[in-house]
PDB file of N, CA and C in Angstrom:
ATOM      1  N   MET A   1      82.713 -12.520 136.504  1.00  0.00           N
ATOM      2  CA  MET A   1      81.590 -12.302 137.393  1.00  0.00           C
ATOM      3  C   MET A   1      80.350 -12.887 136.736  1.00  0.00           C
ATOM      4  N   ASP A   2      79.662 -13.677 137.481  1.00  0.00           N
ATOM      5  CA  ASP A   2      78.440 -14.291 137.005  1.00  0.00           C
ATOM      6  C   ASP A   2      77.287 -13.309 137.150  1.00  0.00           C
ATOM      7  N   LEU A   3      76.423 -13.244 136.144  1.00  0.00           N
ATOM      8  CA  LEU A   3      75.315 -12.303 136.196  1.00  0.00           C
ATOM      9  C   LEU A   3      74.350 -12.607 137.333  1.00  0.00           C
ATOM     10  N   ASP A   4      74.263 -13.873 137.736  1.00  0.00           N
ATOM     11  CA  ASP A   4      73.374 -14.223 138.849  1.00  0.00           C
ATOM     12  C   ASP A   4      73.845 -13.622 140.165  1.00  0.00           C
ATOM     13  N   SER A   5      75.153 -13.306 140.269  1.00  0.00           N
ATOM     14  CA  SER A   5      75.667 -12.761 141.520  1.00  0.00           C
ATOM     15  C   SER A   5      75.220 -11.311 141.738  1.00  0.00           C
ATOM     16  N   LEU A   6      74.668 -10.658 140.712  1.00  0.00           N
ATOM     17  CA  LEU A   6      74.190  -9.295 140.858  1.00  0.00           C
ATOM     18  C   LEU A   6      72.824  -9.241 141.531  1.00  0.00           C
ATOM     19  N   ASP A   7      72.126 -10.355 141.554  1.00  0.00           N
ATOM     20  CA  ASP A   7      70.815 -10.391 142.185  1.00  0.00           C
ATOM     21  C   ASP A   7      70.964 -10.469 143.699  1.00  0.00           C
ATOM     22  N   PRO A   8      70.065  -9.819 144.430  1.00  0.00           N
ATOM     23  CA  PRO A   8      70.113  -9.916 145.895  1.00  0.00           C
ATOM     24  C   PRO A   8      69.928 -11.357 146.360  1.00  0.00           C
ATOM     25  N   VAL A   9      70.604 -11.709 147.435  1.00  0.00           N
ATOM     26  CA  VAL A   9      70.546 -13.067 147.965  1.00  0.00           C
ATOM     27  C   VAL A   9      69.227 -13.317 148.690  1.00  0.00           C
ATOM     28  N   GLY A  10      68.754 -12.320 149.413  1.00  0.00           N
ATOM     29  CA  GLY A  10      67.512 -12.464 150.163  1.00  0.00           C
ATOM     30  C   GLY A  10      66.835 -11.124 150.334  1.00  0.00           C
ATOM     31  N   ALA A  11      65.805 -11.125 151.163  1.00  0.00           N
ATOM     32  CA  ALA A  11      65.037  -9.897 151.381  1.00  0.00           C
ATOM     33  C   ALA A  11      65.867  -8.832 152.098  1.00  0.00           C
ATOM     34  N   VAL A  12      66.673  -9.246 153.069  1.00  0.00           N
ATOM     35  CA  VAL A  12      67.494  -8.284 153.807  1.00  0.00           C
ATOM     36  C   VAL A  12      68.557  -7.683 152.887  1.00  0.00           C
ATOM     37  N   ASP A  13      69.199  -8.521 152.076  1.00  0.00           N
ATOM     38  CA  ASP A  13      70.215  -8.047 151.146  1.00  0.00           C
ATOM     39  C   ASP A  13      69.605  -7.059 150.148  1.00  0.00           C
ATOM     40  N   GLY A  14      68.468  -7.395 149.600  1.00  0.00           N
ATOM     41  CA  GLY A  14      67.803  -6.501 148.649  1.00  0.00           C
ATOM     42  C   GLY A  14      67.389  -5.185 149.283  1.00  0.00           C
ATOM     43  N   THR A  15      66.905  -5.246 150.509  1.00  0.00           N
ATOM     44  CA  THR A  15      66.493  -4.032 151.211  1.00  0.00           C
ATOM     45  C   THR A  15      67.692  -3.142 151.513  1.00  0.00           C
ATOM     46  N   LEU A  16      68.789  -3.739 151.986  1.00  0.00           N
ATOM     47  CA  LEU A  16      69.990  -2.957 152.271  1.00  0.00           C
ATOM     48  C   LEU A  16      70.558  -2.332 151.010  1.00  0.00           C
ATOM     49  N   ARG A  17      70.555  -3.075 149.915  1.00  0.00           N
ATOM     50  CA  ARG A  17      71.032  -2.513 148.644  1.00  0.00           C
ATOM     51  C   ARG A  17      70.175  -1.329 148.227  1.00  0.00           C
ATOM     52  N   LEU A  18      68.861  -1.472 148.333  1.00  0.00           N
ATOM     53  CA  LEU A  18      67.958  -0.394 147.954  1.00  0.00           C
ATOM     54  C   LEU A  18      68.168   0.837 148.836  1.00  0.00           C
ATOM     55  N   ILE A  19      68.301   0.627 150.141  1.00  0.00           N
ATOM     56  CA  ILE A  19      68.512   1.743 151.058  1.00  0.00           C
ATOM     57  C   ILE A  19      69.818   2.463 150.746  1.00  0.00           C
ATOM     58  N   LEU A  20      70.894   1.710 150.539  1.00  0.00           N
ATOM     59  CA  LEU A  20      72.181   2.329 150.248  1.00  0.00           C
ATOM     60  C   LEU A  20      72.177   3.049 148.903  1.00  0.00           C
ATOM     61  N   VAL A  21      71.564   2.450 147.890  1.00  0.00           N
ATOM     62  CA  VAL A  21      71.506   3.101 146.580  1.00  0.00           C
ATOM     63  C   VAL A  21      70.717   4.399 146.668  1.00  0.00           C
ATOM     64  N   LEU A  22      69.579   4.377 147.347  1.00  0.00           N
ATOM     65  CA  LEU A  22      68.779   5.600 147.484  1.00  0.00           C
ATOM     66  C   LEU A  22      69.503   6.659 148.313  1.00  0.00           C
ATOM     67  N   ALA A  23      70.169   6.247 149.394  1.00  0.00           N
ATOM     68  CA  ALA A  23      70.904   7.200 150.229  1.00  0.00           C
ATOM     69  C   ALA A  23      72.066   7.818 149.460  1.00  0.00           C
ATOM     70  N   LEU A  24      72.824   6.991 148.746  1.00  0.00           N
ATOM     71  CA  LEU A  24      73.949   7.519 147.972  1.00  0.00           C
ATOM     72  C   LEU A  24      73.463   8.380 146.809  1.00  0.00           C
ATOM     73  N   PHE A  25      72.360   8.003 146.189  1.00  0.00           N
ATOM     74  CA  PHE A  25      71.801   8.816 145.114  1.00  0.00           C
ATOM     75  C   PHE A  25      71.385  10.192 145.654  1.00  0.00           C
ATOM     76  N   GLY A  26      70.726  10.194 146.803  1.00  0.00           N
ATOM     77  CA  GLY A  26      70.332  11.461 147.421  1.00  0.00           C
ATOM     78  C   GLY A  26      71.533  12.319 147.788  1.00  0.00           C
ATOM     79  N   TRP A  27      72.552  11.682 148.353  1.00  0.00           N
ATOM     80  CA  TRP A  27      73.778  12.406 148.705  1.00  0.00           C
ATOM     81  C   TRP A  27      74.416  13.007 147.454  1.00  0.00           C
ATOM     82  N   ASN A  28      74.485  12.231 146.368  1.00  0.00           N
ATOM     83  CA  ASN A  28      75.096  12.714 145.132  1.00  0.00           C
ATOM     84  C   ASN A  28      74.297  13.844 144.506  1.00  0.00           C
ATOM     85  N   VAL A  29      72.977  13.769 144.563  1.00  0.00           N
ATOM     86  CA  VAL A  29      72.152  14.862 144.053  1.00  0.00           C
ATOM     87  C   VAL A  29      72.381  16.112 144.892  1.00  0.00           C
ATOM     88  N   PHE A  30      72.418  15.969 146.209  1.00  0.00           N
ATOM     89  CA  PHE A  30      72.660  17.097 147.096  1.00  0.00           C
ATOM     90  C   PHE A  30      74.015  17.732 146.799  1.00  0.00           C
ATOM     91  N   GLU A  31      75.035  16.898 146.645  1.00  0.00           N
ATOM     92  CA  GLU A  31      76.377  17.403 146.356  1.00  0.00           C
ATOM     93  C   GLU A  31      76.446  18.050 144.975  1.00  0.00           C
ATOM     94  N   GLY A  32      75.765  17.469 144.016  1.00  0.00           N
ATOM     95  CA  GLY A  32      75.817  17.982 142.652  1.00  0.00           C
ATOM     96  C   GLY A  32      75.081  19.298 142.482  1.00  0.00           C
ATOM     97  N   LEU A  33      74.086  19.552 143.306  1.00  0.00           N
ATOM     98  CA  LEU A  33      73.313  20.780 143.175  1.00  0.00           C
ATOM     99  C   LEU A  33      73.958  21.970 143.881  1.00  0.00           C
ATOM    100  N   SER A  34      74.915  21.730 144.760  1.00  0.00           N
ATOM    101  CA  SER A  34      75.568  22.830 145.454  1.00  0.00           C
ATOM    102  C   SER A  34      77.012  22.939 144.992  1.00  0.00           C
ATOM    103  N   LEU A  35      77.468  24.154 144.821  1.00  0.00           N
ATOM    104  CA  LEU A  35      78.829  24.348 144.333  1.00  0.00           C
ATOM    105  C   LEU A  35      79.863  24.035 145.402  1.00  0.00           C
ATOM    106  N   ARG A  36      79.615  24.478 146.599  1.00  0.00           N
ATOM    107  CA  ARG A  36      80.534  24.195 147.705  1.00  0.00           C
ATOM    108  C   ARG A  36      79.731  23.744 148.909  1.00  0.00           C
ATOM    109  N   THR A  37      79.914  22.498 149.259  1.00  0.00           N
ATOM    110  CA  THR A  37      79.195  21.931 150.397  1.00  0.00           C
ATOM    111  C   THR A  37      80.058  22.086 151.644  1.00  0.00           C
ATOM    112  N   PRO A  38      79.515  22.646 152.706  1.00  0.00           N
ATOM    113  CA  PRO A  38      80.307  22.739 153.933  1.00  0.00           C
ATOM    114  C   PRO A  38      80.447  21.356 154.575  1.00  0.00           C
ATOM    115  N   TYR A  39      81.656  20.893 154.688  1.00  0.00           N
ATOM    116  CA  TYR A  39      81.923  19.614 155.323  1.00  0.00           C
ATOM    117  C   TYR A  39      82.258  19.840 156.791  1.00  0.00           C
ATOM    118  N   PRO A  40      82.011  18.844 157.621  1.00  0.00           N
ATOM    119  CA  PRO A  40      82.432  18.964 159.020  1.00  0.00           C
ATOM    120  C   PRO A  40      83.956  19.136 159.099  1.00  0.00           C
ATOM    121  N   ALA A  41      84.395  19.839 160.116  1.00  0.00           N
ATOM    122  CA  ALA A  41      85.832  20.104 160.275  1.00  0.00           C
ATOM    123  C   ALA A  41      86.633  18.808 160.364  1.00  0.00           C
ATOM    124  N   THR A  42      86.029  17.767 160.898  1.00  0.00           N
ATOM    125  CA  THR A  42      86.722  16.479 161.010  1.00  0.00           C
ATOM    126  C   THR A  42      87.044  15.908 159.641  1.00  0.00           C
ATOM    127  N   MET A  43      86.093  15.979 158.713  1.00  0.00           N
ATOM    128  CA  MET A  43      86.334  15.438 157.375  1.00  0.00           C
ATOM    129  C   MET A  43      87.387  16.255 156.631  1.00  0.00           C
ATOM    130  N   VAL A  44      87.427  17.544 156.878  1.00  0.00           N
ATOM    131  CA  VAL A  44      88.450  18.384 156.248  1.00  0.00           C
ATOM    132  C   VAL A  44      89.813  18.055 156.838  1.00  0.00           C
ATOM    133  N   ALA A  45      89.889  17.874 158.149  1.00  0.00           N
ATOM    134  CA  ALA A  45      91.160  17.542 158.798  1.00  0.00           C
ATOM    135  C   ALA A  45      91.653  16.154 158.395  1.00  0.00           C
ATOM    136  N   LEU A  46      90.730  15.213 158.214  1.00  0.00           N
ATOM    137  CA  LEU A  46      91.118  13.854 157.827  1.00  0.00           C
ATOM    138  C   LEU A  46      91.674  13.789 156.411  1.00  0.00           C
ATOM    139  N   TRP A  47      91.346  14.765 155.587  1.00  0.00           N
ATOM    140  CA  TRP A  47      91.785  14.751 154.194  1.00  0.00           C
ATOM    141  C   TRP A  47      93.301  14.698 154.082  1.00  0.00           C
ATOM    142  N   ALA A  48      94.013  15.267 155.017  1.00  0.00           N
ATOM    143  CA  ALA A  48      95.478  15.283 154.968  1.00  0.00           C
ATOM    144  C   ALA A  48      96.091  13.912 155.245  1.00  0.00           C
ATOM    145  N   SER A  49      95.326  13.007 155.812  1.00  0.00           N
ATOM    146  CA  SER A  49      95.857  11.693 156.192  1.00  0.00           C
ATOM    147  C   SER A  49      95.794  10.706 155.030  1.00  0.00           C
ATOM    148  N   PRO A  50      96.922  10.074 154.710  1.00  0.00           N
ATOM    149  CA  PRO A  50      96.908   9.044 153.660  1.00  0.00           C
ATOM    150  C   PRO A  50      96.045   7.837 154.035  1.00  0.00           C
ATOM    151  N   LEU A  51      95.931   7.552 155.320  1.00  0.00           N
ATOM    152  CA  LEU A  51      95.096   6.426 155.749  1.00  0.00           C
ATOM    153  C   LEU A  51      93.623   6.684 155.432  1.00  0.00           C
ATOM    154  N   TRP A  52      93.181   7.922 155.554  1.00  0.00           N
ATOM    155  CA  TRP A  52      91.804   8.286 155.223  1.00  0.00           C
ATOM    156  C   TRP A  52      91.537   8.066 153.743  1.00  0.00           C
ATOM    157  N   ARG A  53      92.482   8.445 152.914  1.00  0.00           N
ATOM    158  CA  ARG A  53      92.327   8.264 151.464  1.00  0.00           C
ATOM    159  C   ARG A  53      92.296   6.782 151.103  1.00  0.00           C
ATOM    160  N   ALA A  54      93.127   5.993 151.777  1.00  0.00           N
ATOM    161  CA  ALA A  54      93.110   4.548 151.549  1.00  0.00           C
ATOM    162  C   ALA A  54      91.782   3.953 152.004  1.00  0.00           C
ATOM    163  N   LEU A  55      91.231   4.453 153.111  1.00  0.00           N
ATOM    164  CA  LEU A  55      89.935   3.979 153.603  1.00  0.00           C
ATOM    165  C   LEU A  55      88.819   4.314 152.608  1.00  0.00           C
ATOM    166  N   LEU A  56      88.899   5.479 151.980  1.00  0.00           N
ATOM    167  CA  LEU A  56      87.916   5.838 150.957  1.00  0.00           C
ATOM    168  C   LEU A  56      87.974   4.865 149.781  1.00  0.00           C
ATOM    169  N   LEU A  57      89.195   4.544 149.334  1.00  0.00           N
ATOM    170  CA  LEU A  57      89.340   3.577 148.239  1.00  0.00           C
ATOM    171  C   LEU A  57      88.831   2.198 148.638  1.00  0.00           C
ATOM    172  N   LEU A  58      89.117   1.800 149.868  1.00  0.00           N
ATOM    173  CA  LEU A  58      88.638   0.511 150.367  1.00  0.00           C
ATOM    174  C   LEU A  58      87.115   0.478 150.417  1.00  0.00           C
ATOM    175  N   THR A  59      86.505   1.592 150.801  1.00  0.00           N
ATOM    176  CA  THR A  59      85.049   1.681 150.848  1.00  0.00           C
ATOM    177  C   THR A  59      84.449   1.506 149.454  1.00  0.00           C
ATOM    178  N   ILE A  60      85.060   2.136 148.458  1.00  0.00           N
ATOM    179  CA  ILE A  60      84.586   1.980 147.075  1.00  0.00           C
ATOM    180  C   ILE A  60      84.713   0.533 146.641  1.00  0.00           C
ATOM    181  N   TRP A  61      85.852  -0.077 146.954  1.00  0.00           N
ATOM    182  CA  TRP A  61      86.098  -1.451 146.523  1.00  0.00           C
ATOM    183  C   TRP A  61      85.113  -2.424 147.179  1.00  0.00           C
ATOM    184  N   ILE A  62      84.903  -2.285 148.468  1.00  0.00           N
ATOM    185  CA  ILE A  62      83.975  -3.177 149.167  1.00  0.00           C
ATOM    186  C   ILE A  62      82.557  -2.977 148.646  1.00  0.00           C
ATOM    187  N   GLY A  63      82.160  -1.726 148.425  1.00  0.00           N
ATOM    188  CA  GLY A  63      80.832  -1.462 147.869  1.00  0.00           C
ATOM    189  C   GLY A  63      80.648  -2.069 146.493  1.00  0.00           C
ATOM    190  N   ALA A  64      81.681  -1.984 145.655  1.00  0.00           N
ATOM    191  CA  ALA A  64      81.596  -2.544 144.306  1.00  0.00           C
ATOM    192  C   ALA A  64      81.586  -4.072 144.328  1.00  0.00           C
ATOM    193  N   GLU A  65      82.294  -4.658 145.275  1.00  0.00           N
ATOM    194  CA  GLU A  65      82.282  -6.115 145.389  1.00  0.00           C
ATOM    195  C   GLU A  65      80.908  -6.618 145.818  1.00  0.00           C
ATOM    196  N   TRP A  66      80.247  -5.866 146.676  1.00  0.00           N
ATOM    197  CA  TRP A  66      78.944  -6.279 147.177  1.00  0.00           C
ATOM    198  C   TRP A  66      77.870  -6.062 146.122  1.00  0.00           C
ATOM    199  N   CYS A  67      77.822  -4.862 145.552  1.00  0.00           N
ATOM    200  CA  CYS A  67      76.817  -4.525 144.549  1.00  0.00           C
ATOM    201  C   CYS A  67      77.418  -3.448 143.647  1.00  0.00           C
ATOM    202  N   PRO A  68      77.513  -3.684 142.348  1.00  0.00           N
ATOM    203  CA  PRO A  68      78.121  -2.695 141.449  1.00  0.00           C
ATOM    204  C   PRO A  68      77.439  -1.330 141.490  1.00  0.00           C
ATOM    205  N   ARG A  69      76.130  -1.300 141.696  1.00  0.00           N
ATOM    206  CA  ARG A  69      75.437  -0.009 141.781  1.00  0.00           C
ATOM    207  C   ARG A  69      75.894   0.783 142.998  1.00  0.00           C
ATOM    208  N   VAL A  70      76.063   0.093 144.115  1.00  0.00           N
ATOM    209  CA  VAL A  70      76.550   0.747 145.329  1.00  0.00           C
ATOM    210  C   VAL A  70      77.980   1.245 145.105  1.00  0.00           C
ATOM    211  N   GLY A  71      78.796   0.445 144.437  1.00  0.00           N
ATOM    212  CA  GLY A  71      80.177   0.853 144.157  1.00  0.00           C
ATOM    213  C   GLY A  71      80.257   2.089 143.288  1.00  0.00           C
ATOM    214  N   VAL A  72      79.426   2.163 142.256  1.00  0.00           N
ATOM    215  CA  VAL A  72      79.442   3.322 141.363  1.00  0.00           C
ATOM    216  C   VAL A  72      78.985   4.578 142.098  1.00  0.00           C
ATOM    217  N   LEU A  73      77.906   4.473 142.853  1.00  0.00           N
ATOM    218  CA  LEU A  73      77.413   5.641 143.576  1.00  0.00           C
ATOM    219  C   LEU A  73      78.385   6.069 144.682  1.00  0.00           C
ATOM    220  N   THR A  74      79.043   5.120 145.317  1.00  0.00           N
ATOM    221  CA  THR A  74      80.053   5.451 146.315  1.00  0.00           C
ATOM    222  C   THR A  74      81.233   6.157 145.660  1.00  0.00           C
ATOM    223  N   ALA A  75      81.639   5.672 144.494  1.00  0.00           N
ATOM    224  CA  ALA A  75      82.752   6.304 143.782  1.00  0.00           C
ATOM    225  C   ALA A  75      82.410   7.733 143.384  1.00  0.00           C
ATOM    226  N   VAL A  76      81.177   7.986 142.952  1.00  0.00           N
ATOM    227  CA  VAL A  76      80.774   9.348 142.598  1.00  0.00           C
ATOM    228  C   VAL A  76      80.786  10.239 143.838  1.00  0.00           C
ATOM    229  N   ALA A  77      80.286   9.733 144.956  1.00  0.00           N
ATOM    230  CA  ALA A  77      80.285  10.522 146.195  1.00  0.00           C
ATOM    231  C   ALA A  77      81.708  10.840 146.643  1.00  0.00           C
ATOM    232  N   VAL A  78      82.607   9.868 146.564  1.00  0.00           N
ATOM    233  CA  VAL A  78      84.001  10.094 146.951  1.00  0.00           C
ATOM    234  C   VAL A  78      84.661  11.068 145.980  1.00  0.00           C
ATOM    235  N   LEU A  79      84.361  10.958 144.703  1.00  0.00           N
ATOM    236  CA  LEU A  79      84.919  11.882 143.713  1.00  0.00           C
ATOM    237  C   LEU A  79      84.497  13.326 144.019  1.00  0.00           C
ATOM    238  N   MET A  80      83.229  13.523 144.335  1.00  0.00           N
ATOM    239  CA  MET A  80      82.766  14.875 144.678  1.00  0.00           C
ATOM    240  C   MET A  80      83.429  15.380 145.950  1.00  0.00           C
ATOM    241  N   TYR A  81      83.634  14.498 146.915  1.00  0.00           N
ATOM    242  CA  TYR A  81      84.328  14.864 148.147  1.00  0.00           C
ATOM    243  C   TYR A  81      85.762  15.288 147.838  1.00  0.00           C
ATOM    244  N   ILE A  82      86.443  14.529 146.988  1.00  0.00           N
ATOM    245  CA  ILE A  82      87.828  14.847 146.631  1.00  0.00           C
ATOM    246  C   ILE A  82      87.904  16.191 145.920  1.00  0.00           C
ATOM    247  N   VAL A  83      87.000  16.420 144.983  1.00  0.00           N
ATOM    248  CA  VAL A  83      86.999  17.690 144.257  1.00  0.00           C
ATOM    249  C   VAL A  83      86.775  18.859 145.213  1.00  0.00           C
ATOM    250  N   ASN A  84      85.830  18.707 146.138  1.00  0.00           N
ATOM    251  CA  ASN A  84      85.600  19.776 147.114  1.00  0.00           C
ATOM    252  C   ASN A  84      86.783  19.982 148.039  1.00  0.00           C
ATOM    253  N   MET A  85      87.455  18.904 148.436  1.00  0.00           N
ATOM    254  CA  MET A  85      88.623  19.040 149.298  1.00  0.00           C
ATOM    255  C   MET A  85      89.759  19.740 148.556  1.00  0.00           C
ATOM    256  N   ILE A  86      89.911  19.478 147.281  1.00  0.00           N
ATOM    257  CA  ILE A  86      90.948  20.147 146.498  1.00  0.00           C
ATOM    258  C   ILE A  86      90.641  21.638 146.400  1.00  0.00           C
ATOM    259  N   GLN A  87      89.359  21.974 146.229  1.00  0.00           N
ATOM    260  CA  GLN A  87      88.972  23.390 146.149  1.00  0.00           C
ATOM    261  C   GLN A  87      89.118  24.096 147.493  1.00  0.00           C
ATOM    262  N   ILE A  88      88.808  23.395 148.586  1.00  0.00           N
ATOM    263  CA  ILE A  88      88.851  24.017 149.914  1.00  0.00           C
ATOM    264  C   ILE A  88      90.285  24.214 150.378  1.00  0.00           C
ATOM    265  N   THR A  89      91.131  23.202 150.200  1.00  0.00           N
ATOM    266  CA  THR A  89      92.493  23.271 150.745  1.00  0.00           C
ATOM    267  C   THR A  89      93.481  23.761 149.740  1.00  0.00           C
TER     268      THR A  89
END
């Protein structure tokens, strides 16, 4: 991976990266400060599906390919979701 590829391509790319990083950071702080976050019933029901788990992994991979910061924050959010699903079910 070339270090130049980590830089935003344009103003829209940089803005989207900033928005996603801030949103994921906020989500992770919210999740980290609460012991048990109530998830919507749909997200709890989807946990049983292997396709949902594969989609979560795909989301992490696509985020990391686009911007490593987005990938790391997405992985932390998915990890917290998995831990909560294990505790709930």
